[in-house]
Amino acid sequence: MKAASDRRFATLEDEIAKKERLREEAVADAEAWKIEVLQPGNERGCLAVEPTPTTQARIRPQTTPRSRGKRHDAEVVALREIRLKELNGRREAEQELKRLKEKQNNDELEMEKLLEKMVRALS
């Protein structure tokens, strides 16, 4: 029984040593690649070889719920004002159109009267 456990222990030690060698080779390959990439004149240009930046969870948010609510209210007020300006502009345009149509009708009536006077004067 002791011989079997010794063999198993030796096998596990061999596997651990093998994995450590593979890891060291991988690290050495990565370092060689990094050195090659960082050489000046590399065709691929400058590559980012630093660790990826991570967000920090403890950063205080730039907006608070209260300020977000205030901003929302301000946007609502601004949108209402824009809508009122559009409605007022449309109402003014409709009134102007109505006034111009009345003026056109009055001008046409006046032209008809003048034409009648001209016809009477010529006959």
N, C-alpha and C. Protein backbone atom coordinates (compact mmCIF):
# COMPACT_ATOMS: atom_id res chain seq x y z
N MET A 1 0.81 -1.18 0.00
CA MET A 1 0.00 0.00 0.00
C MET A 1 0.87 1.26 0.00
N LYS A 2 1.93 1.21 0.76
CA LYS A 2 2.84 2.34 0.81
C LYS A 2 3.52 2.55 -0.53
N ALA A 3 3.84 1.48 -1.23
CA ALA A 3 4.50 1.59 -2.53
C ALA A 3 3.56 2.24 -3.54
N ALA A 4 2.28 1.89 -3.50
CA ALA A 4 1.30 2.47 -4.42
C ALA A 4 1.15 3.95 -4.16
N SER A 5 1.06 4.34 -2.90
CA SER A 5 0.92 5.76 -2.59
C SER A 5 2.20 6.52 -2.94
N ASP A 6 3.37 5.89 -2.78
CA ASP A 6 4.62 6.53 -3.18
C ASP A 6 4.67 6.76 -4.69
N ARG A 7 4.20 5.73 -5.45
CA ARG A 7 4.17 5.89 -6.92
C ARG A 7 3.20 7.01 -7.31
N ARG A 8 2.05 7.02 -6.68
CA ARG A 8 1.05 8.05 -7.00
C ARG A 8 1.61 9.43 -6.65
N PHE A 9 2.24 9.56 -5.51
CA PHE A 9 2.85 10.82 -5.08
C PHE A 9 3.92 11.27 -6.06
N ALA A 10 4.76 10.33 -6.53
CA ALA A 10 5.81 10.65 -7.50
C ALA A 10 5.20 11.11 -8.82
N THR A 11 4.11 10.45 -9.25
CA THR A 11 3.43 10.83 -10.49
C THR A 11 2.87 12.25 -10.37
N LEU A 12 2.26 12.55 -9.24
CA LEU A 12 1.71 13.89 -9.03
C LEU A 12 2.83 14.94 -9.02
N GLU A 13 3.96 14.64 -8.39
CA GLU A 13 5.08 15.57 -8.39
C GLU A 13 5.60 15.82 -9.80
N ASP A 14 5.65 14.75 -10.62
CA ASP A 14 6.08 14.89 -12.02
C ASP A 14 5.11 15.79 -12.79
N GLU A 15 3.81 15.60 -12.59
CA GLU A 15 2.81 16.43 -13.29
C GLU A 15 2.93 17.89 -12.87
N ILE A 16 3.14 18.11 -11.57
CA ILE A 16 3.29 19.49 -11.09
C ILE A 16 4.52 20.13 -11.70
N ALA A 17 5.62 19.41 -11.75
CA ALA A 17 6.85 19.94 -12.34
C ALA A 17 6.65 20.24 -13.82
N LYS A 18 5.94 19.33 -14.52
CA LYS A 18 5.67 19.52 -15.95
C LYS A 18 4.82 20.77 -16.18
N LYS A 19 3.79 20.96 -15.35
CA LYS A 19 2.92 22.15 -15.50
C LYS A 19 3.69 23.42 -15.19
N GLU A 20 4.58 23.38 -14.20
CA GLU A 20 5.39 24.56 -13.88
C GLU A 20 6.31 24.91 -15.04
N ARG A 21 6.90 23.89 -15.69
CA ARG A 21 7.76 24.14 -16.86
C ARG A 21 6.95 24.77 -17.99
N LEU A 22 5.75 24.23 -18.25
CA LEU A 22 4.91 24.78 -19.32
C LEU A 22 4.53 26.23 -19.02
N ARG A 23 4.22 26.51 -17.76
CA ARG A 23 3.88 27.88 -17.39
C ARG A 23 5.06 28.81 -17.57
N GLU A 24 6.25 28.39 -17.16
CA GLU A 24 7.44 29.21 -17.33
C GLU A 24 7.74 29.46 -18.80
N GLU A 25 7.53 28.44 -19.65
CA GLU A 25 7.73 28.62 -21.09
C GLU A 25 6.73 29.62 -21.65
N ALA A 26 5.48 29.52 -21.21
CA ALA A 26 4.46 30.44 -21.70
C ALA A 26 4.78 31.88 -21.28
N VAL A 27 5.22 32.05 -20.04
CA VAL A 27 5.59 33.39 -19.56
C VAL A 27 6.78 33.91 -20.35
N ALA A 28 7.77 33.05 -20.61
CA ALA A 28 8.94 33.47 -21.38
C ALA A 28 8.54 33.85 -22.80
N ASP A 29 7.63 33.08 -23.42
CA ASP A 29 7.14 33.41 -24.76
C ASP A 29 6.42 34.76 -24.76
N ALA A 30 5.61 34.98 -23.74
CA ALA A 30 4.88 36.25 -23.65
C ALA A 30 5.85 37.42 -23.49
N GLU A 31 6.86 37.25 -22.67
CA GLU A 31 7.85 38.32 -22.49
C GLU A 31 8.62 38.58 -23.78
N ALA A 32 8.97 37.50 -24.50
CA ALA A 32 9.68 37.66 -25.78
C ALA A 32 8.80 38.40 -26.78
N TRP A 33 7.53 38.05 -26.82
CA TRP A 33 6.60 38.71 -27.73
C TRP A 33 6.47 40.19 -27.36
N LYS A 34 6.38 40.48 -26.06
CA LYS A 34 6.25 41.85 -25.60
C LYS A 34 7.47 42.67 -26.01
N ILE A 35 8.67 42.10 -25.84
CA ILE A 35 9.90 42.81 -26.22
C ILE A 35 9.92 43.05 -27.73
N GLU A 36 9.49 42.05 -28.50
CA GLU A 36 9.48 42.18 -29.95
C GLU A 36 8.50 43.27 -30.40
N VAL A 37 7.35 43.32 -29.77
CA VAL A 37 6.34 44.31 -30.14
C VAL A 37 6.80 45.72 -29.80
N LEU A 38 7.50 45.87 -28.70
CA LEU A 38 7.91 47.19 -28.26
C LEU A 38 9.14 47.72 -28.99
N GLN A 39 9.73 46.93 -29.88
CA GLN A 39 10.91 47.41 -30.61
C GLN A 39 10.50 48.52 -31.57
N PRO A 40 11.33 49.56 -31.70
CA PRO A 40 11.01 50.63 -32.64
C PRO A 40 11.04 50.11 -34.07
N GLY A 41 10.16 50.66 -34.90
CA GLY A 41 10.11 50.26 -36.30
C GLY A 41 9.28 49.02 -36.53
N ASN A 42 8.55 48.60 -35.56
CA ASN A 42 7.69 47.43 -35.72
C ASN A 42 6.59 47.77 -36.72
N GLU A 43 6.32 46.88 -37.68
CA GLU A 43 5.36 47.14 -38.74
C GLU A 43 3.94 47.29 -38.20
N ARG A 44 3.63 46.61 -37.13
CA ARG A 44 2.27 46.65 -36.60
C ARG A 44 1.99 47.89 -35.77
N GLY A 45 2.97 48.70 -35.54
CA GLY A 45 2.77 49.91 -34.78
C GLY A 45 2.80 49.65 -33.29
N CYS A 46 2.35 50.61 -32.55
CA CYS A 46 2.38 50.52 -31.10
C CYS A 46 1.15 49.78 -30.61
N LEU A 47 1.37 48.73 -29.88
CA LEU A 47 0.26 47.96 -29.32
C LEU A 47 0.19 48.19 -27.82
N ALA A 48 -1.01 48.16 -27.30
CA ALA A 48 -1.17 48.31 -25.86
C ALA A 48 -0.85 46.98 -25.20
N VAL A 49 0.14 46.98 -24.35
CA VAL A 49 0.54 45.74 -23.69
C VAL A 49 0.38 45.85 -22.18
N GLU A 50 -0.30 46.89 -21.74
CA GLU A 50 -0.54 47.05 -20.32
C GLU A 50 -1.87 46.40 -19.97
N PRO A 51 -2.08 46.11 -18.72
CA PRO A 51 -3.35 45.47 -18.35
C PRO A 51 -4.54 46.36 -18.68
N THR A 52 -5.64 45.74 -18.96
CA THR A 52 -6.85 46.45 -19.31
C THR A 52 -7.33 47.27 -18.11
N PRO A 53 -7.64 48.54 -18.33
CA PRO A 53 -8.10 49.33 -17.19
C PRO A 53 -9.47 48.83 -16.73
N THR A 54 -9.68 48.86 -15.44
CA THR A 54 -10.96 48.43 -14.89
C THR A 54 -11.63 49.60 -14.21
N THR A 55 -12.93 49.53 -14.14
CA THR A 55 -13.66 50.59 -13.46
C THR A 55 -13.60 50.34 -11.96
N GLN A 56 -13.55 51.40 -11.25
CA GLN A 56 -13.52 51.28 -9.80
C GLN A 56 -14.94 51.46 -9.28
N ALA A 57 -15.39 50.51 -8.51
CA ALA A 57 -16.77 50.51 -8.04
C ALA A 57 -17.02 51.56 -6.97
N ARG A 58 -15.98 52.08 -6.35
CA ARG A 58 -16.17 53.01 -5.25
C ARG A 58 -16.18 54.47 -5.69
N ILE A 59 -16.18 54.72 -6.98
CA ILE A 59 -16.21 56.09 -7.46
C ILE A 59 -17.62 56.65 -7.25
N ARG A 60 -17.70 57.84 -6.72
CA ARG A 60 -18.99 58.47 -6.48
C ARG A 60 -19.59 58.90 -7.81
N PRO A 61 -20.85 58.62 -8.05
CA PRO A 61 -21.46 59.01 -9.32
C PRO A 61 -21.48 60.53 -9.47
N GLN A 62 -21.39 60.99 -10.69
CA GLN A 62 -21.33 62.43 -10.95
C GLN A 62 -22.69 63.09 -10.74
N THR A 63 -23.76 62.33 -10.85
CA THR A 63 -25.08 62.89 -10.63
C THR A 63 -25.73 62.18 -9.46
N THR A 64 -26.52 62.92 -8.74
CA THR A 64 -27.27 62.34 -7.64
C THR A 64 -28.73 62.28 -8.04
N PRO A 65 -29.51 61.48 -7.38
CA PRO A 65 -30.94 61.43 -7.74
C PRO A 65 -31.62 62.79 -7.65
N ARG A 66 -31.22 63.60 -6.68
CA ARG A 66 -31.84 64.92 -6.54
C ARG A 66 -31.49 65.81 -7.74
N SER A 67 -30.20 65.82 -8.12
CA SER A 67 -29.80 66.66 -9.26
C SER A 67 -30.40 66.13 -10.56
N ARG A 68 -30.54 64.82 -10.65
CA ARG A 68 -31.16 64.23 -11.84
C ARG A 68 -32.62 64.68 -11.93
N GLY A 69 -33.31 64.72 -10.78
CA GLY A 69 -34.70 65.18 -10.76
C GLY A 69 -34.81 66.64 -11.15
N LYS A 70 -33.88 67.46 -10.64
CA LYS A 70 -33.89 68.88 -10.99
C LYS A 70 -33.65 69.07 -12.49
N ARG A 71 -32.70 68.32 -13.03
CA ARG A 71 -32.42 68.42 -14.46
C ARG A 71 -33.64 68.00 -15.28
N HIS A 72 -34.31 66.94 -14.84
CA HIS A 72 -35.51 66.47 -15.55
C HIS A 72 -36.59 67.56 -15.54
N ASP A 73 -36.80 68.17 -14.37
CA ASP A 73 -37.80 69.23 -14.27
C ASP A 73 -37.45 70.40 -15.19
N ALA A 74 -36.17 70.77 -15.23
CA ALA A 74 -35.74 71.87 -16.10
C ALA A 74 -35.98 71.52 -17.57
N GLU A 75 -35.72 70.27 -17.94
CA GLU A 75 -35.96 69.85 -19.33
C GLU A 75 -37.45 69.89 -19.65
N VAL A 76 -38.29 69.48 -18.71
CA VAL A 76 -39.74 69.51 -18.93
C VAL A 76 -40.20 70.95 -19.14
N VAL A 77 -39.71 71.87 -18.31
CA VAL A 77 -40.08 73.28 -18.45
C VAL A 77 -39.63 73.81 -19.81
N ALA A 78 -38.41 73.48 -20.20
CA ALA A 78 -37.89 73.95 -21.49
C ALA A 78 -38.73 73.40 -22.64
N LEU A 79 -39.11 72.13 -22.58
CA LEU A 79 -39.93 71.54 -23.64
C LEU A 79 -41.31 72.20 -23.70
N ARG A 80 -41.88 72.52 -22.54
CA ARG A 80 -43.18 73.21 -22.52
C ARG A 80 -43.06 74.58 -23.17
N GLU A 81 -41.99 75.30 -22.85
CA GLU A 81 -41.79 76.62 -23.45
C GLU A 81 -41.65 76.53 -24.95
N ILE A 82 -40.91 75.54 -25.42
CA ILE A 82 -40.74 75.35 -26.87
C ILE A 82 -42.09 75.07 -27.51
N ARG A 83 -42.88 74.19 -26.87
CA ARG A 83 -44.20 73.86 -27.43
C ARG A 83 -45.10 75.09 -27.47
N LEU A 84 -45.06 75.92 -26.40
CA LEU A 84 -45.87 77.13 -26.39
C LEU A 84 -45.44 78.10 -27.49
N LYS A 85 -44.13 78.23 -27.69
CA LYS A 85 -43.65 79.11 -28.76
C LYS A 85 -44.12 78.63 -30.12
N GLU A 86 -44.09 77.30 -30.33
CA GLU A 86 -44.56 76.76 -31.60
C GLU A 86 -46.04 77.02 -31.79
N LEU A 87 -46.83 76.81 -30.72
CA LEU A 87 -48.27 77.05 -30.82
C LEU A 87 -48.57 78.52 -31.07
N ASN A 88 -47.87 79.41 -30.37
CA ASN A 88 -48.07 80.84 -30.59
C ASN A 88 -47.69 81.23 -32.01
N GLY A 89 -46.59 80.69 -32.50
CA GLY A 89 -46.17 80.99 -33.87
C GLY A 89 -47.20 80.50 -34.88
N ARG A 90 -47.73 79.31 -34.65
CA ARG A 90 -48.74 78.77 -35.55
C ARG A 90 -50.02 79.63 -35.50
N ARG A 91 -50.42 80.02 -34.28
CA ARG A 91 -51.62 80.85 -34.13
C ARG A 91 -51.43 82.19 -34.84
N GLU A 92 -50.26 82.80 -34.66
CA GLU A 92 -49.99 84.07 -35.33
C GLU A 92 -49.99 83.92 -36.84
N ALA A 93 -49.44 82.81 -37.34
CA ALA A 93 -49.42 82.58 -38.78
C ALA A 93 -50.84 82.40 -39.31
N GLU A 94 -51.69 81.69 -38.55
CA GLU A 94 -53.09 81.52 -38.98
C GLU A 94 -53.82 82.85 -38.98
N GLN A 95 -53.59 83.69 -37.97
CA GLN A 95 -54.23 85.00 -37.93
C GLN A 95 -53.75 85.88 -39.08
N GLU A 96 -52.47 85.82 -39.38
CA GLU A 96 -51.92 86.59 -40.50
C GLU A 96 -52.54 86.12 -41.81
N LEU A 97 -52.68 84.80 -41.98
CA LEU A 97 -53.28 84.25 -43.18
C LEU A 97 -54.73 84.71 -43.32
N LYS A 98 -55.47 84.68 -42.22
CA LYS A 98 -56.87 85.12 -42.24
C LYS A 98 -56.96 86.59 -42.62
N ARG A 99 -56.09 87.41 -42.03
CA ARG A 99 -56.09 88.85 -42.33
C ARG A 99 -55.76 89.11 -43.80
N LEU A 100 -54.77 88.36 -44.33
CA LEU A 100 -54.39 88.55 -45.73
C LEU A 100 -55.50 88.10 -46.68
N LYS A 101 -56.22 87.02 -46.33
CA LYS A 101 -57.34 86.58 -47.16
C LYS A 101 -58.45 87.62 -47.19
N GLU A 102 -58.74 88.21 -46.02
CA GLU A 102 -59.75 89.27 -45.96
C GLU A 102 -59.32 90.46 -46.81
N LYS A 103 -58.05 90.82 -46.70
CA LYS A 103 -57.54 91.95 -47.50
C LYS A 103 -57.63 91.64 -48.99
N GLN A 104 -57.31 90.39 -49.35
CA GLN A 104 -57.39 89.99 -50.75
C GLN A 104 -58.84 90.07 -51.24
N ASN A 105 -59.78 89.60 -50.42
CA ASN A 105 -61.20 89.69 -50.80
C ASN A 105 -61.62 91.14 -50.96
N ASN A 106 -61.22 92.01 -50.01
CA ASN A 106 -61.55 93.43 -50.10
C ASN A 106 -60.94 94.05 -51.36
N ASP A 107 -59.70 93.71 -51.66
CA ASP A 107 -59.04 94.24 -52.85
C ASP A 107 -59.75 93.78 -54.12
N GLU A 108 -60.18 92.51 -54.15
CA GLU A 108 -60.90 92.00 -55.32
C GLU A 108 -62.24 92.73 -55.49
N LEU A 109 -62.95 92.96 -54.38
CA LEU A 109 -64.22 93.71 -54.46
C LEU A 109 -63.98 95.13 -54.97
N GLU A 110 -62.92 95.75 -54.46
CA GLU A 110 -62.60 97.11 -54.89
C GLU A 110 -62.24 97.14 -56.37
N MET A 111 -61.49 96.10 -56.84
CA MET A 111 -61.14 96.03 -58.26
C MET A 111 -62.40 95.88 -59.11
N GLU A 112 -63.34 95.05 -58.66
CA GLU A 112 -64.59 94.88 -59.41
C GLU A 112 -65.36 96.19 -59.48
N LYS A 113 -65.41 96.93 -58.36
CA LYS A 113 -66.11 98.22 -58.35
C LYS A 113 -65.44 99.20 -59.31
N LEU A 114 -64.09 99.22 -59.27
CA LEU A 114 -63.37 100.13 -60.16
C LEU A 114 -63.58 99.75 -61.62
N LEU A 115 -63.60 98.44 -61.91
CA LEU A 115 -63.85 98.00 -63.28
C LEU A 115 -65.25 98.41 -63.74
N GLU A 116 -66.23 98.28 -62.85
CA GLU A 116 -67.59 98.70 -63.19
C GLU A 116 -67.64 100.20 -63.47
N LYS A 117 -66.95 100.98 -62.61
CA LYS A 117 -66.91 102.44 -62.83
C LYS A 117 -66.24 102.76 -64.15
N MET A 118 -65.18 102.02 -64.47
CA MET A 118 -64.45 102.27 -65.71
C MET A 118 -65.34 101.93 -66.91
N VAL A 119 -66.07 100.82 -66.82
CA VAL A 119 -66.96 100.44 -67.92
C VAL A 119 -68.06 101.48 -68.07
N ARG A 120 -68.61 101.98 -66.97
CA ARG A 120 -69.66 103.01 -67.04
C ARG A 120 -69.10 104.31 -67.61
N ALA A 121 -67.88 104.62 -67.22
CA ALA A 121 -67.29 105.87 -67.69
C ALA A 121 -66.99 105.79 -69.19
N LEU A 122 -66.60 104.63 -69.67
CA LEU A 122 -66.29 104.48 -71.08
C LEU A 122 -67.54 104.35 -71.94
N SER A 123 -68.67 103.91 -71.35
CA SER A 123 -69.86 103.75 -72.18
C SER A 123 -70.74 104.95 -72.19
